[in-house]
Amino acid sequence: MTNGTWQKSSRSGSHDDCVEVRTSDALIELRESDDGETILRTTPAAAAALLRAIKSGELDHHA
């Protein structure tokens, strides 16, 4: 059962190549807007840890 609708960042503007997010039950779901069939499901704690790592630059060496 899905609790939310897909949302994308306001910074994406009118572009269709972005990451969308929604809540579903007790999980966070992520997908690329141009590939809606592939959905990553994770816990809120894991999503928060990922955002902290991105903001701190911890994953920059993967770019």
N, C-alpha and C. Protein backbone atom coordinates (compact mmCIF):
# COMPACT_ATOMS: atom_id res chain seq x y z
N MET A 1 0.84 -1.18 0.00
CA MET A 1 0.00 0.00 0.00
C MET A 1 0.88 1.24 0.00
N THR A 2 0.68 2.12 -0.93
CA THR A 2 1.47 3.33 -1.06
C THR A 2 0.82 4.46 -0.28
N ASN A 3 1.62 5.16 0.52
CA ASN A 3 1.11 6.25 1.33
C ASN A 3 1.33 7.62 0.71
N GLY A 4 2.23 7.71 -0.25
CA GLY A 4 2.54 9.02 -0.80
C GLY A 4 2.64 9.00 -2.31
N THR A 5 2.69 10.19 -2.87
CA THR A 5 2.87 10.31 -4.31
C THR A 5 4.34 10.60 -4.58
N TRP A 6 4.76 10.30 -5.79
CA TRP A 6 6.15 10.56 -6.18
C TRP A 6 6.40 12.06 -6.18
N GLN A 7 7.53 12.46 -5.60
CA GLN A 7 7.92 13.87 -5.55
C GLN A 7 9.33 14.00 -6.08
N LYS A 8 9.61 15.11 -6.76
CA LYS A 8 10.96 15.38 -7.20
C LYS A 8 11.38 16.74 -6.67
N SER A 9 12.65 16.98 -6.66
CA SER A 9 13.19 18.23 -6.15
C SER A 9 12.70 19.41 -6.98
N SER A 10 12.43 20.50 -6.32
CA SER A 10 12.04 21.72 -7.04
C SER A 10 13.21 22.24 -7.88
N ARG A 11 14.42 21.82 -7.57
CA ARG A 11 15.60 22.22 -8.35
C ARG A 11 15.66 21.50 -9.69
N SER A 12 14.86 20.47 -9.86
CA SER A 12 14.85 19.74 -11.13
C SER A 12 14.16 20.55 -12.23
N GLY A 13 13.37 21.51 -11.85
CA GLY A 13 12.66 22.33 -12.83
C GLY A 13 11.75 21.48 -13.70
N SER A 14 11.82 21.71 -14.99
CA SER A 14 10.96 20.96 -15.91
C SER A 14 11.67 19.74 -16.49
N HIS A 15 12.87 19.45 -16.00
CA HIS A 15 13.63 18.30 -16.50
C HIS A 15 13.01 16.99 -16.02
N ASP A 16 13.08 15.98 -16.87
CA ASP A 16 12.52 14.68 -16.51
C ASP A 16 13.58 13.70 -16.03
N ASP A 17 14.84 14.11 -15.99
CA ASP A 17 15.90 13.21 -15.57
C ASP A 17 16.32 13.54 -14.13
N CYS A 18 15.55 13.05 -13.18
CA CYS A 18 15.81 13.34 -11.78
C CYS A 18 15.42 12.13 -10.93
N VAL A 19 15.75 12.21 -9.67
CA VAL A 19 15.36 11.17 -8.72
C VAL A 19 14.07 11.61 -8.05
N GLU A 20 13.13 10.68 -7.94
CA GLU A 20 11.87 10.95 -7.27
C GLU A 20 11.82 10.12 -5.98
N VAL A 21 11.07 10.59 -5.01
CA VAL A 21 10.99 9.93 -3.72
C VAL A 21 9.54 9.90 -3.24
N ARG A 22 9.21 8.88 -2.47
CA ARG A 22 7.90 8.81 -1.81
C ARG A 22 8.01 7.86 -0.62
N THR A 23 7.01 7.92 0.24
CA THR A 23 6.93 6.96 1.34
C THR A 23 5.95 5.86 0.95
N SER A 24 6.24 4.68 1.39
CA SER A 24 5.38 3.53 1.14
C SER A 24 5.44 2.65 2.38
N ASP A 25 4.32 2.55 3.06
CA ASP A 25 4.29 1.86 4.35
C ASP A 25 5.35 2.49 5.25
N ALA A 26 6.27 1.72 5.79
CA ALA A 26 7.30 2.27 6.68
C ALA A 26 8.62 2.47 5.96
N LEU A 27 8.60 2.49 4.62
CA LEU A 27 9.82 2.59 3.83
C LEU A 27 9.87 3.88 3.02
N ILE A 28 11.07 4.20 2.55
CA ILE A 28 11.29 5.27 1.60
C ILE A 28 11.56 4.61 0.25
N GLU A 29 10.93 5.10 -0.80
CA GLU A 29 11.15 4.56 -2.14
C GLU A 29 11.77 5.64 -3.02
N LEU A 30 12.77 5.24 -3.80
CA LEU A 30 13.46 6.14 -4.72
C LEU A 30 13.42 5.53 -6.11
N ARG A 31 13.31 6.38 -7.14
CA ARG A 31 13.39 5.91 -8.52
C ARG A 31 13.88 7.05 -9.40
N GLU A 32 14.40 6.70 -10.55
CA GLU A 32 14.74 7.70 -11.55
C GLU A 32 13.48 8.00 -12.34
N SER A 33 13.23 9.25 -12.60
CA SER A 33 11.98 9.61 -13.27
C SER A 33 11.89 9.05 -14.68
N ASP A 34 13.05 8.83 -15.33
CA ASP A 34 13.01 8.30 -16.69
C ASP A 34 13.06 6.77 -16.73
N ASP A 35 13.10 6.12 -15.56
CA ASP A 35 13.08 4.66 -15.46
C ASP A 35 12.23 4.27 -14.26
N GLY A 36 10.94 4.49 -14.35
CA GLY A 36 10.04 4.30 -13.22
C GLY A 36 9.82 2.86 -12.80
N GLU A 37 10.29 1.90 -13.59
CA GLU A 37 10.09 0.49 -13.25
C GLU A 37 11.04 0.01 -12.16
N THR A 38 12.21 0.64 -12.04
CA THR A 38 13.20 0.24 -11.04
C THR A 38 13.04 1.13 -9.82
N ILE A 39 12.70 0.51 -8.69
CA ILE A 39 12.46 1.25 -7.45
C ILE A 39 13.36 0.69 -6.36
N LEU A 40 14.07 1.59 -5.68
CA LEU A 40 14.90 1.24 -4.53
C LEU A 40 14.09 1.50 -3.27
N ARG A 41 13.97 0.50 -2.43
CA ARG A 41 13.24 0.64 -1.17
C ARG A 41 14.23 0.54 -0.02
N THR A 42 14.12 1.45 0.93
CA THR A 42 15.03 1.48 2.06
C THR A 42 14.31 2.01 3.30
N THR A 43 14.94 1.89 4.43
CA THR A 43 14.36 2.40 5.67
C THR A 43 14.66 3.88 5.81
N PRO A 44 13.86 4.60 6.59
CA PRO A 44 14.16 6.02 6.82
C PRO A 44 15.55 6.23 7.42
N ALA A 45 15.98 5.35 8.32
CA ALA A 45 17.31 5.49 8.93
C ALA A 45 18.42 5.34 7.89
N ALA A 46 18.29 4.37 6.99
CA ALA A 46 19.30 4.17 5.95
C ALA A 46 19.30 5.34 4.97
N ALA A 47 18.13 5.86 4.62
CA ALA A 47 18.05 7.01 3.73
C ALA A 47 18.70 8.24 4.37
N ALA A 48 18.48 8.44 5.66
CA ALA A 48 19.08 9.56 6.37
C ALA A 48 20.60 9.42 6.41
N ALA A 49 21.09 8.21 6.62
CA ALA A 49 22.54 7.97 6.62
C ALA A 49 23.14 8.26 5.24
N LEU A 50 22.45 7.88 4.19
CA LEU A 50 22.92 8.16 2.83
C LEU A 50 22.97 9.66 2.59
N LEU A 51 21.94 10.39 2.98
CA LEU A 51 21.94 11.85 2.79
C LEU A 51 23.06 12.52 3.58
N ARG A 52 23.32 12.04 4.81
CA ARG A 52 24.43 12.59 5.59
C ARG A 52 25.76 12.35 4.89
N ALA A 53 25.95 11.14 4.34
CA ALA A 53 27.19 10.82 3.64
C ALA A 53 27.36 11.68 2.38
N ILE A 54 26.28 11.91 1.65
CA ILE A 54 26.35 12.74 0.45
C ILE A 54 26.70 14.18 0.83
N LYS A 55 26.01 14.71 1.83
CA LYS A 55 26.25 16.10 2.23
C LYS A 55 27.65 16.32 2.77
N SER A 56 28.21 15.33 3.44
CA SER A 56 29.55 15.47 4.03
C SER A 56 30.66 15.26 3.01
N GLY A 57 30.31 14.81 1.81
CA GLY A 57 31.32 14.57 0.79
C GLY A 57 31.97 13.21 0.87
N GLU A 58 31.46 12.37 1.75
CA GLU A 58 32.04 11.05 1.98
C GLU A 58 32.03 10.18 0.71
N LEU A 59 31.12 10.44 -0.19
CA LEU A 59 31.00 9.61 -1.40
C LEU A 59 31.54 10.29 -2.65
N ASP A 60 32.18 11.44 -2.50
CA ASP A 60 32.66 12.20 -3.65
C ASP A 60 33.65 11.43 -4.52
N HIS A 61 34.41 10.53 -3.93
CA HIS A 61 35.39 9.78 -4.71
C HIS A 61 34.75 8.80 -5.70
N HIS A 62 33.44 8.63 -5.62
CA HIS A 62 32.72 7.76 -6.57
C HIS A 62 32.25 8.52 -7.81
N ALA A 63 32.34 9.83 -7.77
CA ALA A 63 31.83 10.65 -8.89
C ALA A 63 32.70 10.54 -10.12
